[in-house]
Amino acid sequence: MLIHFLSQFSLGSGVLCASLLTVVTLFVLYSKFTHPLPTDRGRAFAAQGALSIGKPTGAGIYFVLVYIIASILFLPLSLPIGLFYALVFLSMLFGFLDDRADKPWHEYFKGLLDLLLSVSTAIVYAFFYGTTINLPFFKAGFDMPFVLFVILASLLVWAAINVTNCTDGVDGLSGSMTIISLVSFITLSYLNRVHSDWNYSLVVLIFALLVYLFFNTNPSQLLMGDAGSRALGIVLAISALHTGSPFSYLIICLLFIVDGSAGILKISFKRFFGILIFKNITTPIHDHFRERASQPDKKYQLKNQTLTMRFSIVHALICLFYLMFVYVFR
C-alpha cells in the first residue's frame, strides 16, 4: 500500500495537493505521451463514427490511474475506499484491454465482466456501509434486506457502467455531464448530512476530467474510450450509493439514462424478442440530434459543440432543480 501524507497536511491541503498533482501530470501525459495509446477503430453504426478513426483512444487509462494514485497519496485511505479504487481500476483495465484489442470483445463477455464488477461493488458497499436507504424528500430511511440491497445496487452499477459508456460518443459530452453529476452527488451528500471520504476523491477526479476535456473538446485530440467511460460509470454508481439516497441516480444521471438506455433497449428488444422499437430514432439519442435521420433538412442537425453545450445545460438544470427541491423539502 502506498503511504499517504495526510498526517502532515490538513484534509483541505490533501485535496489541493492531489488535485495539483493530477492536473500537472495529466497535462504532461496528454501533451507528450499519447503515442502508446491505441487508435480508434471508429464505430460502424454511429453517427459520424468515421471521424474518430485514427485518434488516440483509451485515454481514460491516464486520468483514472492518476486520480487513483493521487487520491491514495494525499487522501484518507480505508479498506472499503481502497476496494472501490480497485474496482474502478479493474473497470478501467477491462475497458482499456478492449480498446487495444484488434477485434472488440464479445458483448456477452463484456456483460459478464460488468456483472462481476457490479455485484462486487454492491457487496462491498453493503458490507461496510450497511443497507439503509433514504428516499428523496422523505426524512426517514429504511433498512433493506442485505440480498435485496445487493441485487438492486448491482443493477444500479451495471446500468451506470453501460449508459455512461453509450453516452461517450460526442467530443466533450460524457466528460462534461460526468463533472456535473459528480458535483451534484457531492452537494447531495452535504444536504443529506452524509460524511464520506469518497467525496474528497471525487474532487480530484473532477480536476482530472477538466484536463481531459481540455484535449477532448471539439475537434478532439484524443478519446477516453471504454477505459474511461466504464470507469466513470462505476464511479457515478458508487457516488450515488454514498449519498445515502441511491435512487437519486435516476434524476442526477437522468440524461445519461435517457441517452444510453434507448440504444440498449432498442438492441435488446430486436435481438431477444425480434421487436423493432424506436425505429425512427437514431440511438444513442445524441446521435439522433446530430444526424436527425428522419429529417432531411440539415438545419435541424446539431454540431458537436452545440449538442454538448445544450445537453450539459439541460443536465445541469435537472440536477440544480433537484438539489433545490431536496434543500427545500429535506
Protein backbone atom coordinates (compact mmCIF):
# COMPACT_ATOMS: atom_id res chain seq x y z
CA MET A 1 0.00 0.00 0.00
CA LEU A 2 1.27 3.48 -0.83
CA ILE A 3 1.77 5.74 2.18
CA HIS A 4 -0.44 8.83 2.10
CA PHE A 5 0.74 12.04 3.68
CA LEU A 6 -2.47 13.11 5.38
CA SER A 7 -0.75 13.17 8.77
CA GLN A 8 1.39 16.07 7.57
CA PHE A 9 -1.36 18.13 5.99
CA SER A 10 -4.90 19.17 6.71
CA LEU A 11 -7.59 17.42 4.70
CA GLY A 12 -8.08 20.52 2.55
CA SER A 13 -4.36 20.63 1.80
CA GLY A 14 -4.50 16.96 0.87
CA VAL A 15 -7.27 17.60 -1.66
CA LEU A 16 -5.32 20.57 -3.02
CA CYS A 17 -2.07 18.61 -3.38
CA ALA A 18 -3.83 15.66 -5.00
CA SER A 19 -5.61 17.96 -7.45
CA LEU A 20 -2.43 19.86 -8.35
CA LEU A 21 -0.51 16.63 -8.90
CA THR A 22 -3.35 15.34 -11.06
CA VAL A 23 -3.56 18.45 -13.23
CA VAL A 24 0.18 18.75 -13.85
CA THR A 25 0.68 15.04 -14.50
CA LEU A 26 -2.23 14.77 -16.92
CA PHE A 27 -1.19 17.85 -18.89
CA VAL A 28 2.22 16.24 -19.39
CA LEU A 29 0.79 12.82 -20.28
CA TYR A 30 -1.80 14.14 -22.73
CA SER A 31 0.67 16.56 -24.32
CA LYS A 32 3.66 14.25 -24.71
CA PHE A 33 2.68 10.62 -24.20
CA THR A 34 -0.32 9.77 -26.35
CA HIS A 35 1.73 7.60 -28.73
CA PRO A 36 1.48 4.46 -26.52
CA LEU A 37 -2.31 4.66 -26.67
CA PRO A 38 -4.27 2.57 -29.20
CA THR A 39 -6.02 4.31 -32.07
CA ASP A 40 -9.76 4.40 -32.51
CA ARG A 41 -11.36 1.94 -34.93
CA GLY A 42 -14.46 4.04 -35.49
CA ARG A 43 -18.00 2.84 -34.96
CA ALA A 44 -19.76 1.28 -37.89
CA PHE A 45 -23.31 2.26 -36.90
CA ALA A 46 -22.63 5.51 -35.08
CA ALA A 47 -23.28 8.95 -36.49
CA GLN A 48 -20.01 10.49 -37.72
CA GLY A 49 -18.22 7.44 -36.34
CA ALA A 50 -15.60 7.56 -39.09
CA LEU A 51 -14.36 10.95 -37.88
CA SER A 52 -12.72 9.38 -34.84
CA ILE A 53 -10.76 6.74 -36.77
CA GLY A 54 -7.04 7.03 -36.05
CA LYS A 55 -7.34 9.26 -32.98
CA PRO A 56 -5.65 8.09 -29.77
CA THR A 57 -8.23 6.32 -27.63
CA GLY A 58 -8.16 4.65 -24.25
CA ALA A 59 -7.01 7.97 -22.77
CA GLY A 60 -9.14 7.16 -19.76
CA ILE A 61 -6.30 4.96 -18.52
CA TYR A 62 -4.31 8.11 -17.74
CA PHE A 63 -6.91 10.10 -15.84
CA VAL A 64 -8.15 7.04 -13.92
CA LEU A 65 -4.65 5.95 -12.86
CA VAL A 66 -3.52 9.46 -11.93
CA TYR A 67 -6.71 10.19 -9.99
CA ILE A 68 -6.44 6.94 -8.02
CA ILE A 69 -2.72 7.31 -7.26
CA ALA A 70 -3.06 10.96 -6.23
CA SER A 71 -6.03 10.14 -4.01
CA ILE A 72 -4.16 7.29 -2.31
CA LEU A 73 -1.13 9.51 -1.70
CA PHE A 74 -2.88 12.52 -0.21
CA LEU A 75 -6.36 11.50 0.98
CA PRO A 76 -7.62 9.24 3.78
CA LEU A 77 -7.49 5.59 2.76
CA SER A 78 -9.66 2.95 4.38
CA LEU A 79 -10.29 -0.64 3.37
CA PRO A 80 -13.65 0.00 1.64
CA ILE A 81 -12.32 3.07 -0.19
CA GLY A 82 -9.32 1.03 -1.32
CA LEU A 83 -11.62 -1.70 -2.59
CA PHE A 84 -13.65 0.86 -4.52
CA TYR A 85 -10.43 2.18 -6.11
CA ALA A 86 -9.57 -1.40 -7.08
CA LEU A 87 -12.98 -1.92 -8.70
CA VAL A 88 -12.69 1.36 -10.62
CA PHE A 89 -9.20 0.30 -11.72
CA LEU A 90 -10.46 -3.09 -12.92
CA SER A 91 -13.29 -1.46 -14.84
CA MET A 92 -10.75 0.84 -16.50
CA LEU A 93 -8.38 -2.05 -17.21
CA PHE A 94 -11.06 -4.20 -18.85
CA GLY A 95 -12.11 -1.24 -20.96
CA PHE A 96 -8.54 -0.42 -21.97
CA LEU A 97 -7.80 -4.01 -22.99
CA ASP A 98 -10.92 -3.89 -25.15
CA ASP A 99 -9.74 -0.58 -26.64
CA ARG A 100 -6.39 -2.19 -27.51
CA ALA A 101 -7.82 -5.42 -28.91
CA ASP A 102 -7.63 -5.97 -32.68
CA LYS A 103 -11.27 -7.05 -32.57
CA PRO A 104 -13.70 -5.68 -29.97
CA TRP A 105 -14.53 -8.10 -27.19
CA HIS A 106 -17.79 -10.00 -27.48
CA GLU A 107 -20.70 -8.16 -25.91
CA TYR A 108 -21.64 -11.12 -23.72
CA PHE A 109 -18.10 -11.34 -22.34
CA LYS A 110 -18.09 -7.63 -21.53
CA GLY A 111 -21.52 -8.04 -19.98
CA LEU A 112 -20.21 -10.81 -17.73
CA LEU A 113 -17.30 -8.64 -16.59
CA ASP A 114 -19.69 -5.77 -15.90
CA LEU A 115 -21.89 -8.10 -13.87
CA LEU A 116 -18.95 -9.30 -11.75
CA LEU A 117 -17.84 -5.72 -11.09
CA SER A 118 -21.40 -4.65 -10.29
CA VAL A 119 -22.06 -7.43 -7.78
CA SER A 120 -18.65 -6.90 -6.16
CA THR A 121 -19.30 -3.18 -5.79
CA ALA A 122 -22.72 -3.77 -4.27
CA ILE A 123 -21.38 -6.33 -1.78
CA VAL A 124 -18.50 -4.08 -0.70
CA TYR A 125 -20.84 -1.15 -0.09
CA ALA A 126 -23.47 -3.20 1.74
CA PHE A 127 -20.89 -4.94 3.94
CA PHE A 128 -19.05 -1.79 5.05
CA TYR A 129 -21.76 0.88 4.95
CA GLY A 130 -24.97 -1.02 5.59
CA THR A 131 -28.21 -1.26 3.64
CA THR A 132 -30.11 1.78 4.91
CA ILE A 133 -31.85 3.70 2.13
CA ASN A 134 -33.10 7.29 2.30
CA LEU A 135 -35.77 8.24 -0.20
CA PRO A 136 -35.66 11.69 -1.79
CA PHE A 137 -37.91 14.23 0.01
CA PHE A 138 -38.53 11.81 2.91
CA LYS A 139 -36.74 12.40 6.20
CA ALA A 140 -36.95 8.78 7.35
CA GLY A 141 -34.87 5.93 5.98
CA PHE A 142 -35.43 2.21 5.99
CA ASP A 143 -33.23 -0.85 6.18
CA MET A 144 -33.34 -3.12 3.16
CA PRO A 145 -32.59 -6.86 3.38
CA PHE A 146 -28.94 -7.49 2.51
CA VAL A 147 -29.64 -9.73 -0.51
CA LEU A 148 -32.27 -7.40 -1.95
CA PHE A 149 -29.97 -4.42 -1.49
CA VAL A 150 -27.12 -6.21 -3.27
CA ILE A 151 -29.41 -7.12 -6.18
CA LEU A 152 -30.73 -3.58 -6.61
CA ALA A 153 -27.32 -1.98 -6.11
CA SER A 154 -25.82 -4.37 -8.66
CA LEU A 155 -28.47 -3.31 -11.18
CA LEU A 156 -27.62 0.31 -10.46
CA VAL A 157 -23.89 -0.21 -11.04
CA TRP A 158 -24.45 -2.33 -14.17
CA ALA A 159 -26.80 0.25 -15.65
CA ALA A 160 -24.46 3.11 -14.78
CA ILE A 161 -21.49 1.44 -16.49
CA ASN A 162 -23.44 0.80 -19.68
CA VAL A 163 -25.37 4.06 -20.08
CA THR A 164 -22.22 6.08 -19.38
CA ASN A 165 -20.39 4.03 -21.99
CA CYS A 166 -23.14 4.69 -24.53
CA THR A 167 -23.05 8.43 -23.87
CA ASP A 168 -19.37 8.65 -24.79
CA GLY A 169 -19.79 9.39 -28.47
CA VAL A 170 -19.52 13.16 -28.84
CA ASP A 171 -16.47 15.28 -28.10
CA GLY A 172 -16.72 16.62 -24.57
CA LEU A 173 -20.19 15.22 -23.83
CA SER A 174 -19.55 12.39 -21.39
CA GLY A 175 -16.83 14.26 -19.51
CA SER A 176 -18.91 17.41 -19.12
CA MET A 177 -22.00 15.56 -17.93
CA THR A 178 -19.96 13.45 -15.52
CA ILE A 179 -18.50 16.57 -13.88
CA ILE A 180 -22.00 17.99 -13.39
CA SER A 181 -23.19 14.71 -11.87
CA LEU A 182 -20.19 14.42 -9.54
CA VAL A 183 -20.68 17.97 -8.24
CA SER A 184 -24.35 17.15 -7.71
CA PHE A 185 -23.59 13.96 -5.77
CA ILE A 186 -21.13 15.82 -3.53
CA THR A 187 -23.75 18.51 -2.90
CA LEU A 188 -26.45 15.93 -2.21
CA SER A 189 -24.23 14.20 0.34
CA TYR A 190 -23.84 17.53 2.12
CA LEU A 191 -27.60 18.15 2.07
CA ASN A 192 -28.23 14.64 3.39
CA ARG A 193 -25.61 15.21 6.11
CA VAL A 194 -23.69 12.17 4.91
CA HIS A 195 -19.94 12.35 5.54
CA SER A 196 -17.88 10.16 3.24
CA ASP A 197 -14.16 10.20 2.45
CA TRP A 198 -15.15 9.05 -1.03
CA ASN A 199 -16.34 12.56 -1.87
CA TYR A 200 -12.86 14.02 -1.42
CA SER A 201 -11.56 11.78 -4.18
CA LEU A 202 -14.37 12.99 -6.45
CA VAL A 203 -12.90 16.49 -6.31
CA VAL A 204 -9.63 15.08 -7.62
CA LEU A 205 -11.47 13.23 -10.39
CA ILE A 206 -13.27 16.44 -11.38
CA PHE A 207 -9.90 18.15 -11.88
CA ALA A 208 -8.72 15.13 -13.88
CA LEU A 209 -11.76 15.36 -16.15
CA LEU A 210 -11.25 19.09 -16.67
CA VAL A 211 -7.75 18.41 -18.00
CA TYR A 212 -9.11 15.61 -20.18
CA LEU A 213 -11.77 17.96 -21.58
CA PHE A 214 -9.03 20.44 -22.50
CA PHE A 215 -7.86 17.86 -25.05
CA ASN A 216 -11.27 16.34 -25.83
CA THR A 217 -13.26 19.43 -26.79
CA ASN A 218 -14.29 19.52 -30.42
CA PRO A 219 -12.29 18.87 -32.53
CA SER A 220 -10.86 16.36 -30.07
CA GLN A 221 -7.22 15.32 -29.97
CA LEU A 222 -7.92 12.10 -28.06
CA LEU A 223 -10.76 9.93 -26.73
CA MET A 224 -11.32 8.33 -23.32
CA GLY A 225 -12.51 5.04 -24.86
CA ASP A 226 -14.02 2.24 -22.80
CA ALA A 227 -11.11 2.68 -20.38
CA GLY A 228 -12.61 5.98 -19.30
CA SER A 229 -16.34 5.61 -19.84
CA ARG A 230 -16.74 2.31 -17.99
CA ALA A 231 -14.65 3.55 -15.06
CA LEU A 232 -16.71 6.74 -14.88
CA GLY A 233 -19.89 4.69 -14.88
CA ILE A 234 -18.85 2.72 -11.82
CA VAL A 235 -17.66 5.93 -10.09
CA LEU A 236 -21.08 7.54 -10.66
CA ALA A 237 -22.84 4.50 -9.20
CA ILE A 238 -20.58 4.39 -6.13
CA SER A 239 -21.12 8.13 -5.67
CA ALA A 240 -24.89 7.66 -5.77
CA LEU A 241 -24.64 4.97 -3.09
CA HIS A 242 -22.52 7.23 -0.89
CA THR A 243 -25.21 9.92 -0.83
CA GLY A 244 -27.42 7.58 1.18
CA SER A 245 -30.10 8.09 -1.49
CA PRO A 246 -29.09 5.80 -4.36
CA PHE A 247 -32.43 6.37 -6.10
CA SER A 248 -31.21 9.92 -6.70
CA TYR A 249 -29.11 8.45 -9.51
CA LEU A 250 -32.32 8.30 -11.54
CA ILE A 251 -32.52 12.10 -11.50
CA ILE A 252 -28.91 13.26 -11.22
CA CYS A 253 -27.94 10.95 -14.11
CA LEU A 254 -31.28 11.19 -15.93
CA LEU A 255 -29.74 12.40 -19.18
CA PHE A 256 -27.23 9.53 -19.12
CA ILE A 257 -30.15 7.13 -18.69
CA VAL A 258 -32.24 8.64 -21.49
CA ASP A 259 -29.30 8.90 -23.89
CA GLY A 260 -27.77 5.50 -23.25
CA SER A 261 -30.71 3.26 -22.38
CA ALA A 262 -32.55 3.95 -25.64
CA GLY A 263 -29.85 2.15 -27.62
CA ILE A 264 -29.61 -0.69 -25.09
CA LEU A 265 -33.38 -1.25 -25.19
CA LYS A 266 -33.50 -0.99 -28.98
CA ILE A 267 -30.80 -3.62 -29.48
CA SER A 268 -32.12 -5.90 -26.72
CA PHE A 269 -35.70 -5.97 -28.00
CA LYS A 270 -34.56 -6.67 -31.55
CA ARG A 271 -32.06 -9.36 -30.54
CA PHE A 272 -34.10 -11.27 -27.96
CA PHE A 273 -37.71 -10.63 -29.00
CA GLY A 274 -37.45 -9.74 -32.68
CA ILE A 275 -39.27 -6.47 -31.97
CA LEU A 276 -38.04 -3.23 -33.51
CA ILE A 277 -38.65 -0.25 -31.23
CA PHE A 278 -37.60 3.37 -31.67
CA LYS A 279 -37.30 2.65 -35.38
CA ASN A 280 -37.45 6.34 -36.28
CA ILE A 281 -34.89 7.30 -33.66
CA THR A 282 -31.13 7.01 -34.09
CA THR A 283 -29.55 5.77 -30.89
CA PRO A 284 -27.87 6.77 -28.66
CA ILE A 285 -30.13 9.83 -28.51
CA HIS A 286 -27.20 12.20 -29.04
CA ASP A 287 -26.68 10.62 -32.47
CA HIS A 288 -30.32 11.34 -33.31
CA PHE A 289 -29.79 15.02 -32.62
CA ARG A 290 -26.54 15.06 -34.58
CA GLU A 291 -28.00 13.42 -37.66
CA ARG A 292 -31.79 13.69 -37.39
CA ALA A 293 -32.08 10.67 -39.69
CA SER A 294 -35.81 11.27 -40.16
CA GLN A 295 -35.28 14.94 -41.03
CA PRO A 296 -33.50 15.65 -44.34
CA ASP A 297 -33.15 19.37 -43.64
CA LYS A 298 -29.61 19.91 -42.36
CA LYS A 299 -30.64 22.96 -40.35
CA TYR A 300 -32.10 20.53 -37.81
CA GLN A 301 -28.79 18.78 -37.30
CA LEU A 302 -26.73 19.88 -34.30
CA LYS A 303 -22.99 20.43 -34.44
CA ASN A 304 -20.94 18.63 -31.82
CA GLN A 305 -20.17 21.79 -29.86
CA THR A 306 -23.82 22.85 -29.82
CA LEU A 307 -25.02 19.40 -28.81
CA THR A 308 -22.52 19.12 -25.96
CA MET A 309 -23.40 22.57 -24.66
CA ARG A 310 -27.17 22.02 -24.83
CA PHE A 311 -27.04 18.56 -23.27
CA SER A 312 -24.81 19.91 -20.50
CA ILE A 313 -27.13 22.86 -19.83
CA VAL A 314 -30.21 20.62 -19.65
CA HIS A 315 -28.31 18.18 -17.44
CA ALA A 316 -27.18 20.98 -15.12
CA LEU A 317 -30.71 22.40 -14.88
CA ILE A 318 -32.16 19.00 -13.95
CA CYS A 319 -29.54 18.50 -11.25
CA LEU A 320 -29.86 22.05 -9.94
CA PHE A 321 -33.65 21.93 -9.63
CA TYR A 322 -33.46 18.52 -7.96
CA LEU A 323 -30.93 19.75 -5.41
CA MET A 324 -33.08 22.82 -4.75
CA PHE A 325 -36.10 20.58 -4.10
CA VAL A 326 -34.04 18.43 -1.74
CA TYR A 327 -32.84 21.53 0.11
CA VAL A 328 -36.36 22.94 0.47
CA PHE A 329 -38.10 19.70 1.46
CA ARG A 330 -35.37 17.97 3.46
